[in-house]
Amino acid sequence: MTFVAYLNKKGLIESLIYRFLPSSISERKLLLLTG
């Protein structure tokens, strides 16, 4: 949890999402990718 708290606070996880996800994606496809 300490690792995750640090990386989340620094915005690293969010930055990785934006790097790999397109600007627009169907919610169905997004749910599949999440799973």
All heavy atoms as atom14 arrays in JSON, in Angstrom:
{
  "sequence": "MTFVAYLNKKGLIESLIYRFLPSSISERKLLLLTG",
  "atom14_mask": [
    [1, 1, 1, 1, 1, 1, 1, 1, 0, 0, 0, 0, 0, 0],
    [1, 1, 1, 1, 1, 1, 1, 0, 0, 0, 0, 0, 0, 0],
    [1, 1, 1, 1, 1, 1, 1, 1, 1, 1, 1, 0, 0, 0],
    [1, 1, 1, 1, 1, 1, 1, 0, 0, 0, 0, 0, 0, 0],
    [1, 1, 1, 1, 1, 0, 0, 0, 0, 0, 0, 0, 0, 0],
    [1, 1, 1, 1, 1, 1, 1, 1, 1, 1, 1, 1, 0, 0],
    [1, 1, 1, 1, 1, 1, 1, 1, 0, 0, 0, 0, 0, 0],
    [1, 1, 1, 1, 1, 1, 1, 1, 0, 0, 0, 0, 0, 0],
    [1, 1, 1, 1, 1, 1, 1, 1, 1, 0, 0, 0, 0, 0],
    [1, 1, 1, 1, 1, 1, 1, 1, 1, 0, 0, 0, 0, 0],
    [1, 1, 1, 1, 0, 0, 0, 0, 0, 0, 0, 0, 0, 0],
    [1, 1, 1, 1, 1, 1, 1, 1, 0, 0, 0, 0, 0, 0],
    [1, 1, 1, 1, 1, 1, 1, 1, 0, 0, 0, 0, 0, 0],
    [1, 1, 1, 1, 1, 1, 1, 1, 1, 0, 0, 0, 0, 0],
    [1, 1, 1, 1, 1, 1, 0, 0, 0, 0, 0, 0, 0, 0],
    [1, 1, 1, 1, 1, 1, 1, 1, 0, 0, 0, 0, 0, 0],
    [1, 1, 1, 1, 1, 1, 1, 1, 0, 0, 0, 0, 0, 0],
    [1, 1, 1, 1, 1, 1, 1, 1, 1, 1, 1, 1, 0, 0],
    [1, 1, 1, 1, 1, 1, 1, 1, 1, 1, 1, 0, 0, 0],
    [1, 1, 1, 1, 1, 1, 1, 1, 1, 1, 1, 0, 0, 0],
    [1, 1, 1, 1, 1, 1, 1, 1, 0, 0, 0, 0, 0, 0],
    [1, 1, 1, 1, 1, 1, 1, 0, 0, 0, 0, 0, 0, 0],
    [1, 1, 1, 1, 1, 1, 0, 0, 0, 0, 0, 0, 0, 0],
    [1, 1, 1, 1, 1, 1, 0, 0, 0, 0, 0, 0, 0, 0],
    [1, 1, 1, 1, 1, 1, 1, 1, 0, 0, 0, 0, 0, 0],
    [1, 1, 1, 1, 1, 1, 0, 0, 0, 0, 0, 0, 0, 0],
    [1, 1, 1, 1, 1, 1, 1, 1, 1, 0, 0, 0, 0, 0],
    [1, 1, 1, 1, 1, 1, 1, 1, 1, 1, 1, 0, 0, 0],
    [1, 1, 1, 1, 1, 1, 1, 1, 1, 0, 0, 0, 0, 0],
    [1, 1, 1, 1, 1, 1, 1, 1, 0, 0, 0, 0, 0, 0],
    [1, 1, 1, 1, 1, 1, 1, 1, 0, 0, 0, 0, 0, 0],
    [1, 1, 1, 1, 1, 1, 1, 1, 0, 0, 0, 0, 0, 0],
    [1, 1, 1, 1, 1, 1, 1, 1, 0, 0, 0, 0, 0, 0],
    [1, 1, 1, 1, 1, 1, 1, 0, 0, 0, 0, 0, 0, 0],
    [1, 1, 1, 1, 0, 0, 0, 0, 0, 0, 0, 0, 0, 0]
  ],
  "atom14_positions": [
    [[0.82, -1.21, 0.0], [0.0, 0.0, 0.0], [0.85, 1.27, 0.0], [0.47, 2.28, -0.58], [-0.93, 0.0, 1.22], [-2.07, -0.98, 1.14], [-3.13, -0.9, 2.61], [-4.51, -1.9, 2.09], [0.0, 0.0, 0.0], [0.0, 0.0, 0.0], [0.0, 0.0, 0.0], [0.0, 0.0, 0.0], [0.0, 0.0, 0.0], [0.0, 0.0, 0.0]],
    [[2.01, 1.21, 0.65], [2.89, 2.38, 0.68], [3.43, 2.66, -0.72], [3.49, 3.82, -1.16], [4.04, 2.16, 1.66], [3.52, 1.9, 2.97], [4.92, 3.4, 1.74], [0.0, 0.0, 0.0], [0.0, 0.0, 0.0], [0.0, 0.0, 0.0], [0.0, 0.0, 0.0], [0.0, 0.0, 0.0], [0.0, 0.0, 0.0], [0.0, 0.0, 0.0]],
    [[3.85, 1.62, -1.42], [4.29, 1.78, -2.81], [3.19, 2.43, -3.65], [3.43, 3.41, -4.37], [4.65, 0.42, -3.42], [6.09, 0.04, -3.29], [6.48, -1.06, -2.54], [7.06, 0.77, -3.96], [7.81, -1.41, -2.44], [8.41, 0.42, -3.87], [8.78, -0.68, -3.1], [0.0, 0.0, 0.0], [0.0, 0.0, 0.0], [0.0, 0.0, 0.0]],
    [[2.0, 1.86, -3.57], [0.88, 2.35, -4.39], [0.51, 3.78, -4.0], [0.21, 4.61, -4.86], [-0.33, 1.42, -4.25], [-1.55, 1.99, -4.97], [0.0, 0.04, -4.81], [0.0, 0.0, 0.0], [0.0, 0.0, 0.0], [0.0, 0.0, 0.0], [0.0, 0.0, 0.0], [0.0, 0.0, 0.0], [0.0, 0.0, 0.0], [0.0, 0.0, 0.0]],
    [[0.51, 4.07, -2.69], [0.17, 5.42, -2.23], [1.15, 6.45, -2.8], [0.75, 7.53, -3.23], [0.18, 5.47, -0.7], [0.0, 0.0, 0.0], [0.0, 0.0, 0.0], [0.0, 0.0, 0.0], [0.0, 0.0, 0.0], [0.0, 0.0, 0.0], [0.0, 0.0, 0.0], [0.0, 0.0, 0.0], [0.0, 0.0, 0.0], [0.0, 0.0, 0.0]],
    [[2.42, 6.1, -2.81], [3.44, 7.02, -3.35], [3.25, 7.23, -4.85], [3.18, 8.36, -5.34], [4.84, 6.47, -3.08], [5.95, 7.34, -3.64], [6.51, 8.35, -2.86], [6.42, 7.17, -4.94], [7.51, 9.17, -3.37], [7.41, 7.98, -5.46], [7.95, 8.98, -4.67], [8.93, 9.79, -5.2], [0.0, 0.0, 0.0], [0.0, 0.0, 0.0]],
    [[3.15, 6.13, -5.6], [3.04, 6.23, -7.06], [1.75, 6.91, -7.48], [1.72, 7.66, -8.46], [3.12, 4.83, -7.68], [4.45, 4.09, -7.46], [4.38, 2.68, -8.03], [5.61, 4.86, -8.09], [0.0, 0.0, 0.0], [0.0, 0.0, 0.0], [0.0, 0.0, 0.0], [0.0, 0.0, 0.0], [0.0, 0.0, 0.0], [0.0, 0.0, 0.0]],
    [[0.67, 6.67, -6.73], [-0.6, 7.31, -7.05], [-0.56, 8.79, -6.75], [-1.07, 9.62, -7.51], [-1.73, 6.63, -6.26], [-3.1, 6.93, -6.84], [-3.27, 7.01, -8.05], [-4.07, 7.1, -5.98], [0.0, 0.0, 0.0], [0.0, 0.0, 0.0], [0.0, 0.0, 0.0], [0.0, 0.0, 0.0], [0.0, 0.0, 0.0], [0.0, 0.0, 0.0]],
    [[0.06, 9.15, -5.63], [0.17, 10.56, -5.24], [1.02, 11.34, -6.25], [0.73, 12.5, -6.56], [0.8, 10.65, -3.85], [0.88, 12.07, -3.3], [-0.48, 12.6, -2.89], [-0.36, 13.94, -2.19], [-1.68, 14.49, -1.82], [0.0, 0.0, 0.0], [0.0, 0.0, 0.0], [0.0, 0.0, 0.0], [0.0, 0.0, 0.0], [0.0, 0.0, 0.0]],
    [[2.04, 10.69, -6.78], [2.92, 11.33, -7.74], [2.34, 11.35, -9.15], [2.92, 11.95, -10.06], [4.28, 10.62, -7.77], [5.06, 10.76, -6.46], [5.49, 12.2, -6.24], [6.38, 12.32, -5.02], [6.89, 13.68, -4.83], [0.0, 0.0, 0.0], [0.0, 0.0, 0.0], [0.0, 0.0, 0.0], [0.0, 0.0, 0.0], [0.0, 0.0, 0.0]],
    [[1.19, 10.69, -9.35], [0.53, 10.7, -10.65], [1.13, 9.74, -11.66], [0.81, 9.83, -12.85], [0.0, 0.0, 0.0], [0.0, 0.0, 0.0], [0.0, 0.0, 0.0], [0.0, 0.0, 0.0], [0.0, 0.0, 0.0], [0.0, 0.0, 0.0], [0.0, 0.0, 0.0], [0.0, 0.0, 0.0], [0.0, 0.0, 0.0], [0.0, 0.0, 0.0]],
    [[1.98, 8.81, -11.2], [2.63, 7.91, -12.14], [1.63, 6.95, -12.78], [1.66, 6.72, -13.99], [3.73, 7.13, -11.44], [4.54, 6.19, -12.33], [5.37, 7.01, -13.32], [5.44, 5.3, -11.51], [0.0, 0.0, 0.0], [0.0, 0.0, 0.0], [0.0, 0.0, 0.0], [0.0, 0.0, 0.0], [0.0, 0.0, 0.0], [0.0, 0.0, 0.0]],
    [[0.73, 6.4, -11.97], [-0.25, 5.45, -12.49], [-1.16, 6.13, -13.51], [-1.44, 5.59, -14.58], [-1.08, 4.86, -11.33], [-0.17, 4.04, -10.4], [-2.22, 4.01, -11.87], [-0.86, 3.51, -9.17], [0.0, 0.0, 0.0], [0.0, 0.0, 0.0], [0.0, 0.0, 0.0], [0.0, 0.0, 0.0], [0.0, 0.0, 0.0], [0.0, 0.0, 0.0]],
    [[-1.6, 7.33, -13.17], [-2.46, 8.08, -14.07], [-1.73, 8.39, -15.38], [-2.32, 8.31, -16.47], [-2.9, 9.38, -13.38], [-4.01, 10.12, -14.09], [-4.51, 11.29, -13.26], [-5.04, 11.05, -12.17], [-4.35, 12.44, -13.71], [0.0, 0.0, 0.0], [0.0, 0.0, 0.0], [0.0, 0.0, 0.0], [0.0, 0.0, 0.0], [0.0, 0.0, 0.0]],
    [[-0.46, 8.73, -15.28], [0.31, 9.05, -16.49], [0.44, 7.84, -17.41], [0.35, 7.96, -18.63], [1.71, 9.54, -16.09], [1.63, 10.75, -15.36], [0.0, 0.0, 0.0], [0.0, 0.0, 0.0], [0.0, 0.0, 0.0], [0.0, 0.0, 0.0], [0.0, 0.0, 0.0], [0.0, 0.0, 0.0], [0.0, 0.0, 0.0], [0.0, 0.0, 0.0]],
    [[0.63, 6.66, -16.82], [0.74, 5.45, -17.62], [-0.56, 5.16, -18.37], [-0.54, 4.71, -19.52], [1.11, 4.26, -16.72], [2.52, 4.26, -16.17], [2.72, 3.09, -15.22], [3.55, 4.19, -17.31], [0.0, 0.0, 0.0], [0.0, 0.0, 0.0], [0.0, 0.0, 0.0], [0.0, 0.0, 0.0], [0.0, 0.0, 0.0], [0.0, 0.0, 0.0]],
    [[-1.68, 5.42, -17.71], [-2.97, 5.21, -18.37], [-3.08, 6.08, -19.61], [-3.45, 5.63, -20.7], [-4.14, 5.53, -17.41], [-4.16, 4.55, -16.25], [-5.47, 5.48, -18.15], [-5.17, 4.89, -15.2], [0.0, 0.0, 0.0], [0.0, 0.0, 0.0], [0.0, 0.0, 0.0], [0.0, 0.0, 0.0], [0.0, 0.0, 0.0], [0.0, 0.0, 0.0]],
    [[-2.77, 7.35, -19.45], [-2.92, 8.29, -20.55], [-1.96, 8.0, -21.69], [-2.23, 8.35, -22.84], [-2.73, 9.72, -20.03], [-3.8, 10.14, -19.05], [-3.47, 10.88, -17.91], [-5.12, 9.79, -19.24], [-4.44, 11.26, -17.0], [-6.09, 10.16, -18.33], [-5.75, 10.89, -17.22], [-6.72, 11.26, -16.33], [0.0, 0.0, 0.0], [0.0, 0.0, 0.0]],
    [[-0.85, 7.37, -21.37], [0.13, 7.06, -22.41], [-0.34, 5.91, -23.31], [-0.04, 5.86, -24.49], [1.49, 6.71, -21.8], [2.22, 7.91, -21.2], [3.52, 7.48, -20.54], [4.15, 8.58, -19.84], [4.99, 9.44, -20.37], [5.31, 9.31, -21.66], [5.53, 10.41, -19.67], [0.0, 0.0, 0.0], [0.0, 0.0, 0.0], [0.0, 0.0, 0.0]],
    [[-1.08, 4.96, -22.72], [-1.46, 3.76, -23.46], [-2.9, 3.77, -23.97], [-3.22, 3.04, -24.9], [-1.24, 2.52, -22.58], [0.2, 2.21, -22.34], [0.82, 2.56, -21.14], [0.96, 1.57, -23.3], [2.15, 2.27, -20.91], [2.3, 1.28, -23.09], [2.9, 1.62, -21.89], [0.0, 0.0, 0.0], [0.0, 0.0, 0.0], [0.0, 0.0, 0.0]],
    [[-3.76, 4.56, -23.36], [-5.15, 4.61, -23.81], [-5.34, 5.66, -24.89], [-4.73, 6.72, -24.84], [-6.09, 4.91, -22.63], [-6.3, 3.79, -21.61], [-7.2, 4.28, -20.49], [-6.89, 2.55, -22.25], [0.0, 0.0, 0.0], [0.0, 0.0, 0.0], [0.0, 0.0, 0.0], [0.0, 0.0, 0.0], [0.0, 0.0, 0.0], [0.0, 0.0, 0.0]],
    [[-6.2, 5.37, -25.86], [-6.5, 6.38, -26.9], [-7.37, 7.5, -26.33], [-7.88, 7.4, -25.21], [-7.26, 5.57, -27.95], [-7.89, 4.45, -27.18], [-6.92, 4.1, -26.09], [0.0, 0.0, 0.0], [0.0, 0.0, 0.0], [0.0, 0.0, 0.0], [0.0, 0.0, 0.0], [0.0, 0.0, 0.0], [0.0, 0.0, 0.0], [0.0, 0.0, 0.0]],
    [[-7.53, 8.55, -27.1], [-8.34, 9.69, -26.64], [-9.8, 9.31, -26.47], [-10.51, 9.87, -25.64], [-8.21, 10.86, -27.62], [-6.88, 11.28, -27.73], [0.0, 0.0, 0.0], [0.0, 0.0, 0.0], [0.0, 0.0, 0.0], [0.0, 0.0, 0.0], [0.0, 0.0, 0.0], [0.0, 0.0, 0.0], [0.0, 0.0, 0.0], [0.0, 0.0, 0.0]],
    [[-10.27, 8.35, -27.28], [-11.66, 7.91, -27.19], [-11.7, 6.4, -27.35], [-11.05, 5.83, -28.24], [-12.5, 8.57, -28.28], [-13.84, 8.13, -28.21], [0.0, 0.0, 0.0], [0.0, 0.0, 0.0], [0.0, 0.0, 0.0], [0.0, 0.0, 0.0], [0.0, 0.0, 0.0], [0.0, 0.0, 0.0], [0.0, 0.0, 0.0], [0.0, 0.0, 0.0]],
    [[-12.45, 5.73, -26.48], [-12.57, 4.28, -26.52], [-13.95, 3.9, -26.03], [-14.51, 4.56, -25.15], [-11.47, 3.62, -25.66], [-11.52, 2.1, -25.76], [-11.59, 4.06, -24.21], [-10.38, 1.4, -25.04], [0.0, 0.0, 0.0], [0.0, 0.0, 0.0], [0.0, 0.0, 0.0], [0.0, 0.0, 0.0], [0.0, 0.0, 0.0], [0.0, 0.0, 0.0]],
    [[-14.54, 2.89, -26.61], [-15.86, 2.46, -26.16], [-15.77, 1.93, -24.73], [-14.76, 1.33, -24.33], [-16.42, 1.38, -27.09], [-15.69, 0.18, -26.96], [0.0, 0.0, 0.0], [0.0, 0.0, 0.0], [0.0, 0.0, 0.0], [0.0, 0.0, 0.0], [0.0, 0.0, 0.0], [0.0, 0.0, 0.0], [0.0, 0.0, 0.0], [0.0, 0.0, 0.0]],
    [[-16.82, 2.16, -23.96], [-16.82, 1.71, -22.57], [-16.74, 0.19, -22.49], [-16.16, -0.36, -21.55], [-18.07, 2.22, -21.86], [-18.09, 3.73, -21.68], [-19.39, 4.23, -21.09], [-20.41, 3.51, -21.18], [-19.39, 5.35, -20.52], [0.0, 0.0, 0.0], [0.0, 0.0, 0.0], [0.0, 0.0, 0.0], [0.0, 0.0, 0.0], [0.0, 0.0, 0.0]],
    [[-17.32, -0.49, -23.47], [-17.24, -1.95, -23.49], [-15.8, -2.43, -23.66], [-15.34, -3.33, -22.96], [-18.11, -2.51, -24.62], [-19.61, -2.39, -24.38], [-20.39, -3.0, -25.52], [-21.81, -3.0, -25.24], [-22.74, -3.5, -26.05], [-22.37, -4.03, -27.22], [-24.01, -3.47, -25.73], [0.0, 0.0, 0.0], [0.0, 0.0, 0.0], [0.0, 0.0, 0.0]],
    [[-15.11, -1.81, -24.58], [-13.72, -2.19, -24.81], [-12.86, -1.83, -23.61], [-11.95, -2.59, -23.23], [-13.19, -1.48, -26.06], [-11.8, -1.94, -26.48], [-11.36, -1.31, -27.78], [-9.97, -1.79, -28.19], [-9.53, -1.16, -29.48], [0.0, 0.0, 0.0], [0.0, 0.0, 0.0], [0.0, 0.0, 0.0], [0.0, 0.0, 0.0], [0.0, 0.0, 0.0]],
    [[-13.17, -0.7, -22.99], [-12.42, -0.28, -21.81], [-12.62, -1.28, -20.67], [-11.68, -1.6, -19.94], [-12.87, 1.12, -21.38], [-12.13, 1.75, -20.2], [-10.65, 1.9, -20.51], [-12.74, 3.11, -19.85], [0.0, 0.0, 0.0], [0.0, 0.0, 0.0], [0.0, 0.0, 0.0], [0.0, 0.0, 0.0], [0.0, 0.0, 0.0], [0.0, 0.0, 0.0]],
    [[-13.86, -1.78, -20.52], [-14.13, -2.77, -19.47], [-13.37, -4.07, -19.75], [-12.82, -4.68, -18.83], [-15.64, -3.04, -19.4], [-16.11, -3.97, -18.27], [-15.79, -3.35, -16.91], [-17.6, -4.25, -18.38], [0.0, 0.0, 0.0], [0.0, 0.0, 0.0], [0.0, 0.0, 0.0], [0.0, 0.0, 0.0], [0.0, 0.0, 0.0], [0.0, 0.0, 0.0]],
    [[-13.32, -4.47, -21.01], [-12.58, -5.69, -21.37], [-11.1, -5.53, -21.09], [-10.46, -6.42, -20.52], [-12.81, -6.01, -22.85], [-12.03, -7.21, -23.39], [-12.41, -8.48, -22.65], [-12.26, -7.36, -24.89], [0.0, 0.0, 0.0], [0.0, 0.0, 0.0], [0.0, 0.0, 0.0], [0.0, 0.0, 0.0], [0.0, 0.0, 0.0], [0.0, 0.0, 0.0]],
    [[-10.54, -4.38, -21.48], [-9.12, -4.14, -21.23], [-8.81, -4.12, -19.75], [-7.76, -4.6, -19.3], [-8.69, -2.81, -21.88], [-8.68, -2.78, -23.41], [-8.34, -1.37, -23.91], [-7.69, -3.79, -23.96], [0.0, 0.0, 0.0], [0.0, 0.0, 0.0], [0.0, 0.0, 0.0], [0.0, 0.0, 0.0], [0.0, 0.0, 0.0], [0.0, 0.0, 0.0]],
    [[-9.73, -3.57, -18.95], [-9.55, -3.54, -17.5], [-9.52, -4.96, -16.93], [-8.67, -5.3, -16.09], [-10.68, -2.74, -16.83], [-10.69, -1.41, -17.33], [-10.5, -2.71, -15.32], [0.0, 0.0, 0.0], [0.0, 0.0, 0.0], [0.0, 0.0, 0.0], [0.0, 0.0, 0.0], [0.0, 0.0, 0.0], [0.0, 0.0, 0.0], [0.0, 0.0, 0.0]],
    [[-10.47, -5.79, -17.4], [-10.51, -7.17, -16.92], [-9.27, -7.96, -17.31], [-8.71, -8.7, -16.5], [0.0, 0.0, 0.0], [0.0, 0.0, 0.0], [0.0, 0.0, 0.0], [0.0, 0.0, 0.0], [0.0, 0.0, 0.0], [0.0, 0.0, 0.0], [0.0, 0.0, 0.0], [0.0, 0.0, 0.0], [0.0, 0.0, 0.0], [0.0, 0.0, 0.0]]
  ]
}
